[in-house]
Amino acid sequence: METLKDRLRADMTAHLKAGNKVELTTVRNLLGEINTREKGGKTPIELDDAAVVSLLQKEAARRHETAVTYTNAGQGDRAAAEEQEAAIIEAYLPAALSEDEAKAIVAEAVATLRAEGNELGMRQMGSVMKLVTEKVAGRFDGKALSNMVRAALA
């Protein structure tokens, strides 16, 4: 099975051959950031897909923030370039969940814990959130998820 890093490397080669300069630069920067994270600590580590997705989400958010800064400074061309890079990065991220899908995952987690014989209240919010975040894996806003779990437990 192909990992996200493998896909990024393959796409970098494809962009190089096709002459897509913006895409090539963006993917190279992402791979550079991944390599920095893997080799930057005291001991080298290997980032799994979940860690790479998290990194890509942060990079996309950083591009959006920079675009807003450029827009406020009156530099529309630079803002557009940042938004274009953000769109390229977001193409590698898993599809976001709808609110209904997230609610279904929360309901399923609550039902699972109740079926195991757990009596659920607000004190068990952490165990419910653990199950929910494993399934959601960054595809939905964490604060909204927390509010959904609170509502389900209330």
Protein backbone atom coordinates (compact mmCIF):
# COMPACT_ATOMS: atom_id res chain seq x y z
CA MET A 1 0.00 0.00 0.00
CA GLU A 2 1.30 3.40 -0.99
CA THR A 3 1.97 5.86 1.82
CA LEU A 4 1.31 9.57 1.57
CA LYS A 5 5.06 10.26 1.45
CA ASP A 6 5.40 7.85 -1.50
CA ARG A 7 2.57 9.66 -3.26
CA LEU A 8 4.24 13.02 -2.67
CA ARG A 9 7.54 11.73 -4.06
CA ALA A 10 5.82 10.28 -7.15
CA ASP A 11 3.90 13.51 -7.71
CA MET A 12 7.10 15.52 -7.37
CA THR A 13 8.63 13.48 -10.20
CA ALA A 14 5.49 13.89 -12.30
CA HIS A 15 5.44 17.68 -11.74
CA LEU A 16 9.12 17.86 -12.60
CA LYS A 17 8.57 16.05 -15.88
CA ALA A 18 5.45 18.09 -16.71
CA GLY A 19 7.11 21.40 -15.88
CA ASN A 20 4.53 22.43 -13.26
CA LYS A 21 6.69 24.86 -11.30
CA VAL A 22 4.25 25.89 -8.56
CA GLU A 23 3.15 22.32 -7.84
CA LEU A 24 6.76 21.10 -7.92
CA THR A 25 7.94 23.77 -5.49
CA THR A 26 5.03 23.15 -3.14
CA VAL A 27 5.53 19.37 -3.06
CA ARG A 28 9.30 19.78 -2.63
CA ASN A 29 8.72 22.11 0.31
CA LEU A 30 6.35 19.57 1.88
CA LEU A 31 8.83 16.74 1.47
CA GLY A 32 11.55 18.96 2.92
CA GLU A 33 9.39 19.71 5.94
CA ILE A 34 8.69 15.98 6.41
CA ASN A 35 12.41 15.18 6.20
CA THR A 36 13.19 17.95 8.69
CA ARG A 37 10.68 16.54 11.16
CA GLU A 38 11.97 12.99 10.70
CA LYS A 39 15.66 13.83 11.08
CA GLY A 40 15.47 16.95 13.25
CA GLY A 41 15.30 15.34 16.68
CA LYS A 42 17.91 13.52 18.71
CA THR A 43 16.91 10.23 17.13
CA PRO A 44 15.54 9.87 13.60
CA ILE A 45 11.89 8.84 13.35
CA GLU A 46 9.63 7.71 10.54
CA LEU A 47 6.41 9.71 10.23
CA ASP A 48 3.33 7.62 9.56
CA ASP A 49 0.42 8.77 7.39
CA ALA A 50 -1.46 10.26 10.34
CA ALA A 51 1.53 12.42 11.28
CA VAL A 52 2.02 13.47 7.65
CA VAL A 53 -1.68 14.41 7.36
CA SER A 54 -1.35 16.49 10.52
CA LEU A 55 1.71 18.23 9.10
CA LEU A 56 -0.08 18.90 5.80
CA GLN A 57 -3.05 20.39 7.65
CA LYS A 58 -0.73 22.75 9.51
CA GLU A 59 1.04 23.74 6.30
CA ALA A 60 -2.27 24.44 4.53
CA ALA A 61 -3.47 26.52 7.48
CA ARG A 62 -0.18 28.43 7.46
CA ARG A 63 -0.64 29.22 3.75
CA HIS A 64 -4.19 30.50 4.38
CA GLU A 65 -2.99 32.73 7.23
CA THR A 66 -0.19 34.11 5.09
CA ALA A 67 -2.64 34.81 2.27
CA VAL A 68 -4.82 36.84 4.65
CA THR A 69 -1.76 38.81 5.76
CA TYR A 70 -0.82 39.55 2.15
CA THR A 71 -4.39 40.54 1.32
CA ASN A 72 -4.48 42.95 4.25
CA ALA A 73 -1.17 44.40 3.09
CA GLY A 74 -2.61 45.00 -0.40
CA GLN A 75 -0.51 42.36 -2.13
CA GLY A 76 -3.18 40.38 -3.97
CA ASP A 77 -0.79 38.55 -6.28
CA ARG A 78 1.20 37.09 -3.38
CA ALA A 79 -2.02 36.22 -1.55
CA ALA A 80 -3.28 34.37 -4.64
CA ALA A 81 0.01 32.43 -4.82
CA GLU A 82 -0.35 31.36 -1.17
CA GLU A 83 -3.97 30.28 -1.74
CA GLN A 84 -2.86 28.28 -4.78
CA GLU A 85 -0.25 26.48 -2.69
CA ALA A 86 -2.85 25.81 0.02
CA ALA A 87 -5.16 24.25 -2.59
CA ILE A 88 -2.33 22.00 -3.80
CA ILE A 89 -1.63 20.86 -0.23
CA GLU A 90 -5.33 20.30 0.54
CA ALA A 91 -5.57 17.94 -2.45
CA TYR A 92 -3.44 15.49 -0.44
CA LEU A 93 -5.64 15.65 2.64
CA PRO A 94 -8.47 13.17 3.24
CA ALA A 95 -11.96 14.44 2.48
CA ALA A 96 -13.54 16.36 5.34
CA LEU A 97 -16.50 14.83 7.11
CA SER A 98 -19.93 16.40 7.02
CA GLU A 99 -21.60 17.32 10.30
CA ASP A 100 -24.02 14.39 9.94
CA GLU A 101 -21.15 11.93 9.42
CA ALA A 102 -19.38 13.29 12.51
CA LYS A 103 -22.57 12.99 14.58
CA ALA A 104 -22.95 9.39 13.41
CA ILE A 105 -19.39 8.60 14.52
CA VAL A 106 -20.05 10.18 17.94
CA ALA A 107 -23.29 8.20 18.32
CA GLU A 108 -21.50 4.99 17.33
CA ALA A 109 -18.73 5.58 19.88
CA VAL A 110 -21.25 6.25 22.65
CA ALA A 111 -23.23 3.13 21.69
CA THR A 112 -20.06 1.02 21.65
CA LEU A 113 -19.04 2.13 25.13
CA ARG A 114 -22.55 1.60 26.48
CA ALA A 115 -22.66 -1.89 24.93
CA GLU A 116 -19.45 -2.71 26.82
CA GLY A 117 -21.35 -1.99 30.03
CA ASN A 118 -19.91 1.44 30.75
CA GLU A 119 -22.19 3.96 32.40
CA LEU A 120 -21.50 7.17 30.52
CA GLY A 121 -21.50 10.65 31.97
CA MET A 122 -19.38 13.74 31.58
CA ARG A 123 -16.52 12.02 33.45
CA GLN A 124 -16.18 9.53 30.58
CA MET A 125 -15.89 12.25 27.95
CA GLY A 126 -12.19 11.51 27.51
CA SER A 127 -12.77 7.85 26.64
CA VAL A 128 -15.50 8.80 24.16
CA MET A 129 -13.29 11.49 22.60
CA LYS A 130 -10.46 8.96 22.25
CA LEU A 131 -12.67 6.62 20.22
CA VAL A 132 -14.10 9.46 18.15
CA THR A 133 -10.75 11.08 17.31
CA GLU A 134 -9.33 7.72 16.17
CA LYS A 135 -12.11 7.45 13.59
CA VAL A 136 -12.21 11.12 12.58
CA ALA A 137 -8.42 11.59 12.35
CA GLY A 138 -8.37 15.31 11.63
CA ARG A 139 -11.20 15.33 9.12
CA PHE A 140 -13.50 17.44 11.32
CA ASP A 141 -13.05 20.39 13.70
CA GLY A 142 -12.01 19.19 17.15
CA LYS A 143 -13.98 21.82 19.07
CA ALA A 144 -17.18 20.95 17.20
CA LEU A 145 -16.53 17.25 17.91
CA SER A 146 -16.09 18.03 21.60
CA ASN A 147 -19.42 19.87 21.64
CA MET A 148 -21.13 16.91 19.91
CA VAL A 149 -19.74 14.49 22.51
CA ARG A 150 -20.87 16.79 25.34
CA ALA A 151 -24.38 16.88 23.84
CA ALA A 152 -24.45 13.08 23.46
CA LEU A 153 -23.37 12.55 27.06
CA ALA A 154 -25.71 15.13 28.58
